[in-house]
């Protein structure tokens, strides 16, 4: 197996980053943490685990994940979020990979959890994500939100990443608040214009997609939970986008 650099972006992830680094060091020769100026002990915990910490004010999802890549010692990059871990089958799968073709990027199946409960409904599983790639041919797209790895070729593994997404339902709501704020900012930076109808339209589209096309209506409470929270997230990010423009207009009015 070729040497691999693990890469994680963080913001106030002191409670997660230690376990994440422990997971990466099972297959990586080095770990780089790109920290968005955390206010907690994220950087100290990361260093105590042997990671190299770089500081960079948040640039958006794709650019932030790309920031640390030139600093890596190795061409093969394994990117995890701070609340993710390699499952034992992923460790075995990565150790068995020859990594002799730099044009290939590898995807993993992600198990998403709310507390101890593995949520499989409405597209939450297998939730395939590309996380292992060679920087000479591949990398994260420069998208401000929900970026993904672009590569010449992809190989699916059946191995798993554990994603401790939410501690409980209250945390789920908090994360929607945080992520919808970030998404609204990213859309405004991209130039997406406000719309009175867009929040409701995207919320309804998300609800129908999750309930019907992803089968949530046939998957019990988890199916409805995923559908409703996805719709709420969609509504809030576009409502917050409108709010950003309204605040900007109001601020300019006060300057006149």
Protein backbone atom coordinates (compact mmCIF):
# COMPACT_ATOMS: atom_id res chain seq x y z
CA UNK A 1 0.00 0.00 0.00
CA UNK A 2 1.22 3.49 -0.88
CA UNK A 3 1.56 6.06 1.93
CA UNK A 4 -1.54 8.18 2.60
CA UNK A 5 -2.09 11.60 4.13
CA UNK A 6 -5.25 12.02 6.22
CA UNK A 7 -6.97 15.39 5.95
CA UNK A 8 -9.69 16.88 8.20
CA UNK A 9 -11.27 20.34 8.32
CA UNK A 10 -12.51 21.52 11.70
CA UNK A 11 -14.36 24.24 13.53
CA UNK A 12 -14.89 23.71 17.27
CA UNK A 13 -14.59 19.93 17.05
CA UNK A 14 -12.65 19.22 20.25
CA UNK A 15 -15.04 16.44 21.25
CA UNK A 16 -14.66 14.63 17.91
CA UNK A 17 -11.24 15.31 16.47
CA UNK A 18 -9.24 12.95 18.72
CA UNK A 19 -11.22 9.86 17.72
CA UNK A 20 -11.18 10.95 14.09
CA UNK A 21 -7.38 11.21 14.07
CA UNK A 22 -7.06 7.86 15.86
CA UNK A 23 -9.15 6.38 13.09
CA UNK A 24 -7.07 7.92 10.31
CA UNK A 25 -3.74 6.87 11.80
CA UNK A 26 -4.76 3.25 11.33
CA UNK A 27 -4.06 3.70 7.59
CA UNK A 28 -2.33 7.10 7.23
CA UNK A 29 1.32 8.03 7.67
CA UNK A 30 0.43 11.64 8.52
CA UNK A 31 -2.68 13.62 9.41
CA UNK A 32 -3.27 17.28 8.59
CA UNK A 33 -6.01 19.28 10.31
CA UNK A 34 -7.16 22.52 8.68
CA UNK A 35 -8.81 24.47 11.46
CA UNK A 36 -11.18 27.40 10.86
CA UNK A 37 -9.97 29.35 13.92
CA UNK A 38 -11.77 27.22 16.51
CA UNK A 39 -12.63 28.76 19.87
CA UNK A 40 -12.31 25.46 21.75
CA UNK A 41 -9.42 23.00 22.23
CA UNK A 42 -9.60 21.46 18.75
CA UNK A 43 -6.06 22.42 17.77
CA UNK A 44 -4.54 21.29 21.07
CA UNK A 45 -6.29 17.92 20.93
CA UNK A 46 -5.25 17.44 17.30
CA UNK A 47 -1.60 18.18 18.08
CA UNK A 48 -1.68 15.84 21.07
CA UNK A 49 -2.74 13.09 18.67
CA UNK A 50 0.20 13.79 16.37
CA UNK A 51 -1.60 15.79 13.68
CA UNK A 52 -0.16 18.83 11.96
CA UNK A 53 -2.53 21.78 12.39
CA UNK A 54 -2.95 24.54 9.81
CA UNK A 55 -5.10 27.58 10.50
CA UNK A 56 -7.30 29.12 7.84
CA UNK A 57 -10.42 31.23 8.15
CA UNK A 58 -13.30 29.33 6.57
CA UNK A 59 -13.23 29.60 2.77
CA UNK A 60 -16.22 27.39 2.00
CA UNK A 61 -16.44 23.60 1.88
CA UNK A 62 -14.42 22.79 -1.25
CA UNK A 63 -11.73 25.47 -0.92
CA UNK A 64 -11.25 24.67 2.77
CA UNK A 65 -10.76 20.96 2.04
CA UNK A 66 -8.33 21.81 -0.75
CA UNK A 67 -6.28 24.22 1.41
CA UNK A 68 -4.23 21.57 3.17
CA UNK A 69 -3.58 19.35 0.14
CA UNK A 70 -0.41 21.13 -1.08
CA UNK A 71 1.04 20.73 2.44
CA UNK A 72 0.68 16.93 2.37
CA UNK A 73 3.75 14.72 2.14
CA UNK A 74 1.93 12.14 0.04
CA UNK A 75 -0.14 12.22 -3.14
CA UNK A 76 -2.85 9.91 -1.84
CA UNK A 77 -5.30 11.86 0.32
CA UNK A 78 -7.92 10.38 2.66
CA UNK A 79 -10.41 13.07 3.69
CA UNK A 80 -12.75 12.65 6.65
CA UNK A 81 -15.01 15.04 8.51
CA UNK A 82 -14.25 15.44 12.20
CA UNK A 83 -17.35 13.47 13.20
CA UNK A 84 -16.47 10.54 10.94
CA UNK A 85 -14.49 7.35 11.60
CA UNK A 86 -13.25 4.51 9.45
CA UNK A 87 -15.15 1.33 10.19
CA UNK A 88 -13.02 -1.80 10.57
CA UNK A 89 -13.99 -2.99 7.09
CA UNK A 90 -12.79 0.32 5.63
CA UNK A 91 -9.43 -0.09 7.35
CA UNK A 92 -9.11 -3.60 5.88
CA UNK A 93 -10.21 -2.42 2.43
CA UNK A 94 -7.77 0.50 2.32
CA UNK A 95 -4.89 -1.66 3.53
CA UNK A 96 -5.62 -4.07 0.68
CA UNK A 97 -5.71 -1.42 -2.06
CA UNK A 98 -2.64 -1.32 -4.33
CA UNK A 99 -3.11 2.42 -5.01
CA UNK A 100 -1.19 2.00 -8.25
CA UNK A 101 -3.55 4.03 -10.45
CA UNK A 102 -3.59 7.75 -9.59
CA UNK A 103 -6.62 8.36 -11.81
CA UNK A 104 -8.88 6.32 -9.50
CA UNK A 105 -10.75 7.76 -6.52
CA UNK A 106 -12.46 5.43 -4.04
CA UNK A 107 -15.89 5.76 -2.47
CA UNK A 108 -17.21 4.34 0.79
CA UNK A 109 -20.65 3.67 2.19
CA UNK A 110 -21.49 6.00 5.03
CA UNK A 111 -23.52 4.95 8.07
CA UNK A 112 -25.20 8.03 9.55
CA UNK A 113 -26.13 8.02 13.24
CA UNK A 114 -28.41 10.05 15.49
CA UNK A 115 -27.06 9.17 18.91
CA UNK A 116 -26.63 5.37 18.92
CA UNK A 117 -29.31 4.91 16.26
CA UNK A 118 -28.17 4.10 12.71
CA UNK A 119 -30.55 5.85 10.31
CA UNK A 120 -30.95 3.95 7.05
CA UNK A 121 -34.13 5.54 5.65
CA UNK A 122 -34.78 7.91 2.74
CA UNK A 123 -31.31 7.92 1.23
CA UNK A 124 -29.37 8.07 4.50
CA UNK A 125 -27.85 4.72 3.51
CA UNK A 126 -25.73 3.70 1.69
CA UNK A 127 -24.92 7.43 1.21
CA UNK A 128 -21.80 6.80 -0.88
CA UNK A 129 -19.02 9.38 -0.53
CA UNK A 130 -15.68 9.62 -2.33
CA UNK A 131 -12.93 10.17 0.21
CA UNK A 132 -9.69 8.55 -1.02
CA UNK A 133 -8.07 10.18 -4.05
CA UNK A 134 -4.73 11.10 -5.61
CA UNK A 135 -4.03 14.83 -5.66
CA UNK A 136 -2.14 14.61 -8.98
CA UNK A 137 -5.35 13.90 -10.87
CA UNK A 138 -8.26 14.57 -8.50
CA UNK A 139 -9.56 16.90 -5.83
CA UNK A 140 -12.52 18.64 -4.27
CA UNK A 141 -14.52 20.94 -6.53
CA UNK A 142 -14.24 24.64 -5.55
CA UNK A 143 -17.85 24.75 -4.34
CA UNK A 144 -18.62 26.78 -1.24
CA UNK A 145 -21.14 24.19 0.03
CA UNK A 146 -21.49 20.41 -0.31
CA UNK A 147 -18.38 19.94 -2.42
CA UNK A 148 -17.33 16.52 -3.71
CA UNK A 149 -14.24 14.91 -5.21
CA UNK A 150 -13.84 15.13 -8.97
CA UNK A 151 -11.68 12.36 -10.45
CA UNK A 152 -11.13 10.73 -13.85
CA UNK A 153 -12.38 7.36 -12.56
CA UNK A 154 -14.23 6.08 -9.50
CA UNK A 155 -14.18 2.71 -7.78
CA UNK A 156 -16.86 1.81 -5.25
CA UNK A 157 -15.84 -0.10 -2.19
CA UNK A 158 -18.44 -1.80 -0.02
CA UNK A 159 -16.59 -0.67 3.11
CA UNK A 160 -18.03 1.81 5.58
CA UNK A 161 -17.41 5.18 7.16
CA UNK A 162 -19.19 5.78 10.46
CA UNK A 163 -20.73 9.25 10.62
CA UNK A 164 -21.77 10.38 14.09
CA UNK A 165 -23.92 13.07 12.55
CA UNK A 166 -26.17 14.04 15.45
CA UNK A 167 -25.93 13.45 19.19
CA UNK A 168 -29.73 13.56 19.50
CA UNK A 169 -32.73 15.23 17.86
CA UNK A 170 -31.99 18.56 19.53
CA UNK A 171 -28.50 18.48 18.07
CA UNK A 172 -30.03 17.61 14.68
CA UNK A 173 -32.02 20.86 14.82
CA UNK A 174 -28.94 22.81 15.89
CA UNK A 175 -26.96 21.41 12.97
CA UNK A 176 -29.69 22.37 10.53
CA UNK A 177 -29.50 25.90 11.91
CA UNK A 178 -25.71 25.98 11.52
CA UNK A 179 -25.58 24.33 8.10
CA UNK A 180 -28.44 26.35 6.63
CA UNK A 181 -26.63 29.54 7.70
CA UNK A 182 -23.45 28.32 6.01
CA UNK A 183 -25.36 27.26 2.89
CA UNK A 184 -27.09 30.63 2.63
CA UNK A 185 -23.74 32.41 2.87
CA UNK A 186 -22.27 30.11 0.19
CA UNK A 187 -25.20 30.73 -2.16
CA UNK A 188 -24.91 34.48 -1.74
CA UNK A 189 -21.17 34.35 -2.43
CA UNK A 190 -22.01 32.40 -5.59
CA UNK A 191 -24.48 35.09 -6.65
CA UNK A 192 -27.77 33.27 -6.08
CA UNK A 193 -30.50 35.89 -5.97
CA UNK A 194 -33.32 36.09 -3.39
CA UNK A 195 -36.79 34.76 -4.14
CA UNK A 196 -39.98 34.88 -2.10
CA UNK A 197 -41.18 31.53 -3.47
CA UNK A 198 -37.93 29.58 -3.48
CA UNK A 199 -37.92 28.53 0.22
CA UNK A 200 -41.35 26.87 -0.01
CA UNK A 201 -40.68 25.41 -3.46
CA UNK A 202 -37.41 23.76 -2.44
CA UNK A 203 -38.89 22.52 0.85
CA UNK A 204 -41.80 20.84 -0.97
CA UNK A 205 -39.43 19.35 -3.54
CA UNK A 206 -37.22 17.91 -0.78
CA UNK A 207 -40.23 16.48 1.04
CA UNK A 208 -41.58 14.76 -2.07
CA UNK A 209 -38.14 13.46 -3.04
CA UNK A 210 -37.48 11.92 0.37
CA UNK A 211 -40.97 10.56 1.01
CA UNK A 212 -41.72 9.18 -2.45
CA UNK A 213 -38.62 8.82 -4.61
CA UNK A 214 -36.40 7.74 -1.70
CA UNK A 215 -39.16 5.64 -0.15
CA UNK A 216 -39.34 7.43 3.19
CA UNK A 217 -43.12 7.01 3.45
CA UNK A 218 -42.61 3.25 3.58
CA UNK A 219 -39.74 3.31 6.11
CA UNK A 220 -41.49 4.19 9.34
CA UNK A 221 -40.53 6.98 11.71
CA UNK A 222 -37.00 7.30 10.36
CA UNK A 223 -38.31 7.88 6.86
CA UNK A 224 -40.60 10.70 7.95
CA UNK A 225 -37.93 12.20 10.20
CA UNK A 226 -35.41 12.37 7.35
CA UNK A 227 -38.01 13.79 4.97
CA UNK A 228 -39.23 16.50 7.34
CA UNK A 229 -35.76 17.58 8.49
CA UNK A 230 -34.47 17.67 4.90
CA UNK A 231 -37.42 19.84 3.88
CA UNK A 232 -36.85 22.12 6.88
CA UNK A 233 -33.16 22.47 6.00
CA UNK A 234 -34.06 23.36 2.40
CA UNK A 235 -36.60 25.94 3.55
CA UNK A 236 -34.29 27.58 6.07
CA UNK A 237 -31.26 27.95 3.80
CA UNK A 238 -33.28 29.82 1.17
CA UNK A 239 -35.15 31.84 3.81
CA UNK A 240 -31.79 32.82 5.31
CA UNK A 241 -30.50 33.74 1.85
CA UNK A 242 -33.42 36.15 1.53
CA UNK A 243 -32.61 37.48 4.98
CA UNK A 244 -28.99 38.16 4.01
CA UNK A 245 -30.13 40.32 1.10
CA UNK A 246 -32.73 42.08 3.26
CA UNK A 247 -30.08 42.90 5.88
CA UNK A 248 -27.72 44.13 3.18
CA UNK A 249 -30.40 46.39 1.71
CA UNK A 250 -31.32 47.71 5.14
CA UNK A 251 -27.67 48.39 5.94
CA UNK A 252 -27.18 50.34 2.70
CA UNK A 253 -30.33 52.33 3.46
CA UNK A 254 -28.89 53.40 6.80
CA UNK A 255 -25.68 54.55 5.13
CA UNK A 256 -27.49 56.97 2.82
